[in-house]
Protein backbone atom coordinates (compact mmCIF):
# COMPACT_ATOMS: atom_id res chain seq x y z
CA MET A 1 -9.97 -22.01 -18.47
CA ALA A 2 -11.14 -19.65 -15.74
CA ILE A 3 -11.27 -21.05 -12.26
CA SER A 4 -13.55 -19.48 -9.69
CA ILE A 5 -12.13 -18.87 -6.25
CA PHE A 6 -15.52 -17.93 -4.82
CA PRO A 7 -18.30 -20.14 -3.42
CA SER A 8 -20.76 -21.35 -6.02
CA LYS A 9 -23.59 -18.84 -6.31
CA THR A 10 -25.52 -16.90 -8.91
CA LEU A 11 -23.24 -14.41 -10.64
CA ILE A 12 -24.80 -10.95 -10.53
CA TYR A 13 -23.16 -7.81 -11.84
CA ALA A 14 -23.00 -4.82 -9.57
CA PRO A 15 -25.49 -2.20 -10.80
CA SER A 16 -22.60 0.27 -10.90
CA LEU A 17 -20.96 -1.86 -13.61
CA GLN A 18 -24.01 -1.80 -15.91
CA PRO A 19 -24.96 0.99 -18.33
CA PRO A 20 -28.64 1.39 -19.23
CA HIS A 21 -29.85 -1.55 -21.34
CA HIS A 22 -30.42 0.17 -24.66
CA LEU A 23 -27.02 1.87 -24.49
CA ARG A 24 -25.10 -1.41 -24.58
CA ARG A 25 -23.59 -2.12 -27.94
CA ASN A 26 -23.49 -5.86 -27.26
CA PRO A 27 -26.22 -6.91 -24.79
CA ARG A 28 -24.97 -10.48 -24.77
CA ARG A 29 -21.98 -9.44 -22.67
CA ILE A 30 -24.04 -8.15 -19.75
CA SER A 31 -26.50 -9.98 -17.52
CA CYS A 32 -30.03 -8.74 -16.91
CA SER A 33 -30.42 -5.02 -16.21
CA THR A 34 -31.92 -3.78 -12.97
CA THR A 35 -33.97 -1.20 -14.90
CA PRO A 36 -36.99 -2.29 -17.04
CA PRO A 37 -36.27 -1.66 -20.75
CA SER A 38 -39.47 0.30 -21.18
CA ALA A 39 -38.50 2.70 -18.41
CA VAL A 40 -35.06 3.20 -19.91
CA GLU A 41 -36.38 3.86 -23.42
CA GLU A 42 -38.56 6.70 -22.12
CA ARG A 43 -35.59 8.69 -20.90
CA PRO A 44 -34.47 11.53 -23.20
CA ARG A 45 -31.16 11.31 -24.98
CA PHE A 46 -28.34 13.06 -23.16
CA ARG A 47 -27.56 16.51 -24.52
CA TRP A 48 -24.01 17.79 -24.44
CA SER A 49 -23.64 21.02 -22.51
CA GLU A 50 -21.55 23.98 -23.56
CA ILE A 51 -18.46 24.63 -21.44
CA GLY A 52 -18.63 28.34 -20.87
CA PRO A 53 -18.88 31.04 -18.22
CA ASN A 54 -20.81 28.75 -15.84
CA ALA A 55 -17.70 26.64 -15.22
CA THR A 56 -16.10 27.11 -11.81
CA GLU A 57 -12.54 28.32 -11.39
CA ASP A 58 -11.40 24.79 -10.44
CA GLN A 59 -13.05 23.38 -13.56
CA LYS A 60 -11.47 26.02 -15.77
CA ARG A 61 -8.08 25.30 -14.20
CA ALA A 62 -8.46 21.56 -14.78
CA ILE A 63 -9.44 22.13 -18.41
CA SER A 64 -6.53 24.50 -18.99
CA GLN A 65 -4.13 21.79 -17.81
CA LEU A 66 -5.24 19.25 -20.41
CA SER A 67 -2.40 18.17 -22.68
CA ALA A 68 -2.14 19.95 -26.00
CA LYS A 69 -1.41 16.54 -27.56
CA MET A 70 -4.78 15.15 -26.45
CA THR A 71 -7.06 14.45 -29.39
CA LYS A 72 -10.25 16.47 -29.82
CA ARG A 73 -12.24 13.28 -29.30
CA CYS A 74 -10.71 12.74 -25.86
CA LYS A 75 -10.64 16.40 -24.87
CA ALA A 76 -14.36 16.75 -25.63
CA VAL A 77 -15.43 14.06 -23.16
CA VAL A 78 -12.88 15.02 -20.48
CA LYS A 79 -14.20 18.59 -20.49
CA GLN A 80 -17.75 17.28 -20.11
CA ILE A 81 -16.73 15.00 -17.21
CA VAL A 82 -14.84 17.80 -15.46
CA CYS A 83 -17.91 20.04 -15.61
CA PHE A 84 -20.45 17.25 -15.08
CA ASP A 85 -23.21 17.80 -12.52
CA SER A 86 -24.84 14.57 -11.37
CA GLU A 87 -28.02 16.47 -10.48
CA ASN A 88 -28.58 17.23 -14.15
CA GLY A 89 -28.15 13.76 -15.58
CA ASP A 90 -26.52 10.35 -15.55
CA LEU A 91 -22.80 10.07 -16.34
CA ARG A 92 -23.46 6.81 -18.18
CA TRP A 93 -25.65 8.66 -20.67
CA LEU A 94 -22.89 11.18 -21.29
CA LEU A 95 -20.37 8.41 -21.95
CA ALA A 96 -22.83 6.52 -24.14
CA GLU A 97 -23.36 9.60 -26.30
CA TRP A 98 -19.61 10.03 -26.59
CA VAL A 99 -19.31 6.44 -27.78
CA ARG A 100 -22.17 6.91 -30.26
CA ILE A 101 -20.91 10.20 -31.70
CA MET A 102 -17.12 9.97 -31.42
CA LYS A 103 -16.69 6.18 -31.76
CA PRO A 104 -13.61 6.00 -29.49
CA ARG A 105 -11.02 3.25 -29.66
CA ARG A 106 -9.29 1.58 -26.71
CA ALA A 107 -6.43 4.06 -26.91
CA ASP A 108 -8.91 6.94 -26.45
CA TRP A 109 -10.41 5.34 -23.35
CA LEU A 110 -6.97 4.86 -21.85
CA VAL A 111 -6.08 8.52 -22.41
CA VAL A 112 -9.32 9.66 -20.74
CA ILE A 113 -8.86 7.33 -17.77
CA LYS A 114 -5.20 8.30 -17.36
CA ASP A 115 -6.04 12.00 -17.35
CA LEU A 116 -8.85 11.58 -14.82
CA ALA A 117 -6.47 9.59 -12.63
CA ARG A 118 -3.92 12.40 -12.89
CA MET A 119 -6.57 14.83 -11.62
CA ASP A 120 -7.68 12.34 -8.96
CA HIS A 121 -11.17 13.08 -10.29
CA PRO A 122 -14.09 11.75 -8.18
CA LEU A 123 -15.82 10.32 -11.27
CA LEU A 124 -12.82 8.20 -12.29
CA MET A 125 -14.27 4.96 -10.90
CA GLU A 126 -17.60 5.49 -12.66
CA VAL A 127 -15.83 6.03 -15.97
CA MET A 128 -13.74 2.88 -15.45
CA GLU A 129 -16.86 0.88 -14.56
CA PHE A 130 -18.59 2.01 -17.75
CA ALA A 131 -15.51 1.32 -19.89
CA LEU A 132 -15.20 -2.27 -18.67
CA VAL A 133 -18.51 -3.26 -20.26
CA GLU A 134 -18.10 -1.15 -23.40
CA ASP A 135 -17.03 -3.06 -26.53
CA SER A 136 -14.80 -0.27 -27.81
CA PHE A 137 -12.67 -0.49 -24.66
CA GLU A 138 -11.81 -4.15 -25.30
CA ALA A 139 -11.29 -4.87 -21.61
CA ASN A 140 -8.64 -7.41 -20.65
CA VAL A 141 -7.52 -9.06 -17.41
CA ARG A 142 -5.23 -6.18 -16.53
CA ASP A 143 -8.06 -3.65 -16.79
CA TYR A 144 -10.21 -5.66 -14.40
CA THR A 145 -7.26 -6.14 -12.07
CA LYS A 146 -6.70 -2.38 -11.92
CA ILE A 147 -10.27 -1.62 -10.93
CA ILE A 148 -10.26 -4.47 -8.39
CA ASP A 149 -7.11 -2.98 -6.90
CA ARG A 150 -8.68 0.48 -6.75
CA TYR A 151 -11.76 -0.93 -5.03
CA ALA A 152 -9.53 -2.78 -2.57
CA LYS A 153 -7.64 0.42 -1.66
CA LEU A 154 -11.00 2.09 -1.01
CA ASN A 155 -12.02 -0.91 1.13
CA ARG A 156 -14.96 -1.57 -1.24
CA ILE A 157 -14.59 -5.34 -1.00
CA GLN A 158 -18.03 -6.19 -2.35
CA ASP A 159 -17.49 -4.03 -5.44
CA ALA A 160 -14.11 -5.69 -5.99
CA GLU A 161 -15.72 -9.13 -5.80
CA ASN A 162 -18.43 -8.05 -8.22
CA ALA A 163 -15.78 -6.87 -10.66
CA LEU A 164 -14.01 -10.22 -10.32
CA ARG A 165 -17.22 -12.09 -11.04
CA SER A 166 -17.78 -9.84 -14.05
CA MET A 167 -14.30 -10.69 -15.28
CA ASN A 168 -14.89 -14.42 -14.87
CA LYS A 169 -18.20 -14.11 -16.68
CA GLN A 170 -16.33 -12.69 -19.67
CA GLY A 171 -14.19 -15.82 -19.72
CA LEU A 172 -11.10 -14.00 -18.44
CA ALA A 173 -9.05 -16.06 -15.99
CA CYS A 174 -7.18 -14.60 -13.03
CA ASP A 175 -3.46 -14.28 -13.59
CA GLN A 176 -0.59 -13.93 -11.15
CA VAL A 177 -1.09 -10.17 -10.73
CA THR A 178 -4.82 -10.54 -10.05
CA PHE A 179 -4.17 -13.21 -7.43
CA THR A 180 -1.60 -10.94 -5.75
CA VAL A 181 -4.08 -8.06 -5.60
CA LEU A 182 -6.72 -10.34 -4.10
CA ILE A 183 -4.34 -11.69 -1.45
CA GLN A 184 -3.41 -8.13 -0.46
CA MET A 185 -7.06 -7.06 -0.42
CA TYR A 186 -8.28 -9.87 1.81
CA SER A 187 -5.25 -9.66 4.06
CA LYS A 188 -5.73 -5.94 4.71
CA ALA A 189 -9.47 -6.47 5.16
CA GLY A 190 -8.79 -8.99 7.93
CA ASN A 191 -10.04 -11.99 5.94
CA PHE A 192 -6.95 -14.14 6.36
CA GLY A 193 -8.77 -17.36 5.48
CA ARG A 194 -9.65 -16.08 2.01
CA ALA A 195 -6.12 -14.75 1.44
CA GLU A 196 -4.61 -18.13 2.32
CA GLU A 197 -7.16 -19.94 0.15
CA ILE A 198 -6.25 -17.80 -2.87
CA PHE A 199 -2.54 -18.40 -2.25
CA GLU A 200 -3.11 -22.15 -2.24
CA ASP A 201 -5.22 -21.90 -5.42
CA LEU A 202 -2.37 -20.05 -7.08
CA LYS A 203 0.06 -22.84 -6.20
CA LEU A 204 -2.35 -25.55 -7.38
CA LEU A 205 -2.73 -23.81 -10.73
CA GLY A 206 1.01 -24.05 -11.19
CA LEU A 207 1.39 -20.32 -11.80
CA PRO A 208 4.86 -18.95 -10.99
CA LEU A 209 5.20 -17.37 -7.56
CA ASP A 210 7.19 -14.15 -7.57
CA LYS A 211 8.32 -11.79 -4.82
CA ARG A 212 5.03 -9.88 -4.92
CA VAL A 213 2.90 -12.98 -4.33
CA TYR A 214 5.17 -14.29 -1.58
CA GLY A 215 5.46 -10.83 -0.04
CA SER A 216 1.68 -10.38 0.04
CA MET A 217 1.20 -13.73 1.79
CA ILE A 218 4.01 -13.09 4.28
CA MET A 219 2.37 -9.77 5.18
CA ALA A 220 -0.94 -11.62 5.62
CA TYR A 221 0.71 -14.00 8.10
CA ILE A 222 2.26 -11.07 9.97
CA ARG A 223 -1.11 -9.31 10.29
CA VAL A 224 -2.64 -12.32 12.07
CA GLY A 225 0.38 -12.83 14.31
CA MET A 226 1.66 -15.96 12.52
CA VAL A 227 5.17 -14.59 12.16
CA GLU A 228 6.86 -18.01 12.09
CA ARG A 229 4.71 -19.07 9.12
CA GLY A 230 5.76 -15.89 7.37
CA GLU A 231 9.41 -16.69 8.03
CA VAL A 232 8.93 -20.19 6.61
CA LEU A 233 7.71 -18.62 3.36
CA LEU A 234 10.73 -16.30 3.42
CA ARG A 235 13.03 -19.35 3.59
CA GLU A 236 11.07 -20.97 0.76
CA MET A 237 11.70 -17.89 -1.34
CA GLU A 238 15.40 -17.83 -0.57
CA GLU A 239 15.77 -21.48 -1.59
CA GLN A 240 14.52 -20.42 -5.02
CA GLU A 241 16.81 -17.36 -4.97
CA ILE A 242 13.79 -15.07 -4.80
CA TYR A 243 14.21 -12.20 -2.37
CA ALA A 244 11.42 -10.18 -0.82
CA GLY A 245 11.28 -6.41 -0.82
CA SER A 246 12.90 -4.56 2.06
CA GLU A 247 9.46 -3.66 3.47
CA VAL A 248 8.67 -7.37 3.97
CA TYR A 249 11.93 -8.04 5.81
CA LYS A 250 11.35 -4.97 7.99
CA ALA A 251 7.79 -6.06 8.77
CA LEU A 252 9.01 -9.51 9.86
CA LEU A 253 11.79 -8.00 11.95
CA ARG A 254 9.36 -5.55 13.53
CA ALA A 255 6.92 -8.34 14.37
CA TYR A 256 9.63 -10.32 16.18
CA SER A 257 10.94 -7.15 17.80
CA ASN A 258 7.55 -6.18 19.23
CA VAL A 259 7.22 -9.49 21.10
CA GLY A 260 10.85 -9.66 22.21
CA GLU A 261 11.63 -12.74 20.09
CA SER A 262 15.33 -12.01 19.82
CA SER A 263 16.39 -15.22 18.06
CA GLY A 264 13.78 -14.70 15.34
CA ALA A 265 14.76 -11.05 15.01
CA GLN A 266 18.44 -12.02 14.63
CA ARG A 267 17.57 -14.59 11.94
CA VAL A 268 15.64 -12.02 9.94
CA PHE A 269 18.40 -9.45 10.45
CA ASP A 270 20.91 -11.94 9.02
CA ALA A 271 18.54 -12.69 6.13
CA ILE A 272 18.33 -8.97 5.35
CA GLN A 273 22.08 -8.83 4.84
CA CYS A 274 22.08 -12.06 2.79
CA ALA A 275 19.48 -10.44 0.53
CA GLY A 276 21.92 -7.64 -0.18
CA ILE A 277 20.02 -5.04 1.84
CA ALA A 278 22.31 -2.79 3.86
CA PRO A 279 20.98 -2.36 7.42
CA ASP A 280 20.29 1.21 8.45
CA ALA A 281 19.72 2.74 11.86
CA ARG A 282 16.00 1.91 11.83
CA ILE A 283 16.62 -1.77 11.10
CA CYS A 284 19.30 -1.90 13.82
CA ALA A 285 16.89 -0.24 16.27
CA LEU A 286 14.38 -3.06 15.69
CA LEU A 287 17.02 -5.67 16.50
CA MET A 288 18.13 -3.72 19.57
CA ASN A 289 14.55 -3.49 20.75
CA ALA A 290 14.10 -7.27 20.40
CA TYR A 291 17.16 -7.90 22.58
CA ALA A 292 16.07 -5.22 25.08
CA ALA A 293 12.57 -6.71 25.37
CA ALA A 294 14.17 -10.11 25.99
CA GLY A 295 16.37 -8.60 28.72
CA GLN A 296 19.59 -9.30 26.79
CA ASN A 297 21.23 -5.94 27.38
CA ASP A 298 24.74 -7.08 26.45
CA ASN A 299 23.45 -7.88 22.98
CA VAL A 300 21.75 -4.48 22.82
CA ARG A 301 25.12 -2.85 23.47
CA CYS A 302 26.81 -5.17 20.95
CA VAL A 303 24.38 -4.18 18.18
CA LEU A 304 24.95 -0.49 18.88
CA GLU A 305 28.73 -0.92 18.81
CA ASN A 306 28.59 -2.88 15.55
CA LEU A 307 26.32 -0.20 14.10
CA ARG A 308 28.79 2.55 14.92
CA ASN A 309 31.78 0.49 13.75
CA ALA A 310 30.03 0.06 10.41
CA GLY A 311 29.87 3.84 10.05
CA ILE A 312 26.10 4.04 10.63
CA LYS A 313 24.93 7.02 12.64
CA PRO A 314 22.57 5.81 15.41
CA ASN A 315 19.17 7.46 15.42
CA ASP A 316 17.23 8.63 18.46
CA LYS A 317 15.42 5.29 18.77
CA CYS A 318 18.72 3.39 19.04
CA LEU A 319 19.94 5.75 21.75
CA ALA A 320 16.64 5.59 23.65
CA ILE A 321 16.77 1.78 23.70
CA MET A 322 20.39 1.76 24.88
CA LEU A 323 19.79 4.36 27.60
CA ALA A 324 16.72 2.44 28.82
CA ALA A 325 18.86 -0.72 29.02
CA TYR A 326 21.51 1.13 31.03
CA GLU A 327 18.81 2.48 33.33
CA LYS A 328 17.56 -1.04 34.09
CA GLU A 329 21.09 -2.01 35.06
CA ASN A 330 21.65 1.28 36.92
CA LYS A 331 24.78 1.99 34.87
CA LEU A 332 24.72 5.77 34.88
CA ASN A 333 28.44 6.18 34.24
CA MET A 334 28.28 4.01 31.12
CA ALA A 335 25.30 6.03 29.89
CA LEU A 336 27.14 9.30 30.39
CA ASN A 337 30.27 7.96 28.70
CA LEU A 338 28.15 6.90 25.75
CA LEU A 339 26.66 10.37 25.49
CA MET A 340 30.08 11.97 25.53
CA ASP A 341 31.37 9.61 22.83
CA LEU A 342 28.35 10.35 20.70
CA GLU A 343 28.84 14.07 21.14
CA LYS A 344 32.40 13.75 19.84
CA ASP A 345 30.98 12.06 16.76
CA GLY A 346 28.51 14.88 16.29
CA VAL A 347 25.50 12.81 17.39
CA ILE A 348 22.95 14.76 19.43
CA ILE A 349 20.26 12.90 21.33
CA GLY A 350 16.67 13.58 20.33
CA GLN A 351 13.35 13.86 22.13
CA GLU A 352 12.79 10.19 23.02
CA ALA A 353 16.29 9.57 24.34
CA SER A 354 16.24 12.89 26.22
CA GLY A 355 12.94 11.92 27.83
CA ILE A 356 14.36 8.63 29.09
CA LEU A 357 17.45 10.36 30.43
CA ALA A 358 15.44 13.09 32.15
CA GLY A 359 13.12 10.54 33.76
CA TRP A 360 16.09 8.55 35.00
CA PHE A 361 17.69 11.65 36.51
CA ARG A 362 14.47 12.64 38.23
CA LYS A 363 14.27 9.20 39.86
CA LEU A 364 17.82 9.64 41.11
CA GLY A 365 17.16 13.21 42.21
CA VAL A 366 20.34 14.39 40.55
CA VAL A 367 19.06 16.59 37.75
CA GLU A 368 21.15 19.64 38.75
CA GLU A 369 24.27 17.58 39.49
CA VAL A 370 24.17 15.86 36.11
CA GLU A 371 23.76 19.20 34.36
CA LEU A 372 26.96 20.40 36.04
CA VAL A 373 28.81 17.22 35.03
CA LEU A 374 27.66 17.58 31.45
CA ARG A 375 28.87 21.19 31.38
CA GLU A 376 32.27 20.08 32.71
CA TYR A 377 32.51 17.40 30.01
CA ALA A 378 31.57 19.97 27.39
CA THR A 379 34.26 22.38 28.68
CA LYS A 380 36.95 19.65 28.66
CA ASP A 381 36.02 18.64 25.13
CA ALA A 382 36.21 22.26 23.99
CA PHE A 383 39.83 22.56 25.14
CA SER A 384 40.96 19.03 24.23
């Protein structure tokens, strides 16, 4: 049984999801049309245009790239869509004529939609909208979920909600994947309350929670600054031996790092390794930054040493953080020794680390002197 996750209100289909009334093969599936039937009936039947010399070079190129295995039924409508001019008609009429003449099956619709997606064609969404309410497409939950996800990525929240209402009207209940898409959509749109509500609905329904659902909710918590709540969910996952994707761990670590919460950053760093994810230089840089922001420079140095001992080449961010820590402690000799050690290992400092070093030298007024020292070190290394 479908369960609505929206406030009780009249369910109205988005006009974009409705073909003209007399073109619907089963009017019982669609709620009232926004266009009076009499007005629709007066419109002339769509006439298929010939694809010829009037096609642009881009259109000809797109047509030439159609798969040779595509059926004539599918190729006919794809060509028409590629060359379609909205000023000369309504795309819904074109699709309706295709349905009437060619009598496509679900497999044909899927081929057409897949090919338009491959082209990233601007009319893809309109074709998907029409297909959802067409009997021959035999729309299921996954089809609705896909269009909701596409709307969400385009930040068309109202259209996504309309599609969801349309799905519920057809008696199709949300599944785990749909709930995950909705959580992601509301989270990215800044509607944390709705994302949390959907997550709780999912748990009440007793549907299994996988890494995608948990990951989406953890990211929602991170976006509103509730990092601890996100970490609680991470622990809940681990107790069930479910491990989040590396991007979720990195997002949590970054959130703690940005506010200098070193203990939280260390916990997440440990969890990353327990999840079987090998730390790289970027992950180590986040942990170093957390310790640096907390003023724990000894721990910054410890992380860098462990990184190098593990055979990981430090990136420019790691070096910049370490040099900045040395600058705060006025440990120029240690900074220079580090640079020499790195040079022996073939590590060259980048723009950010160089900028910190140059600024430090300018404050000390020893730019020329340091250049001489560095040249001497380089000469010694060359003959050692």
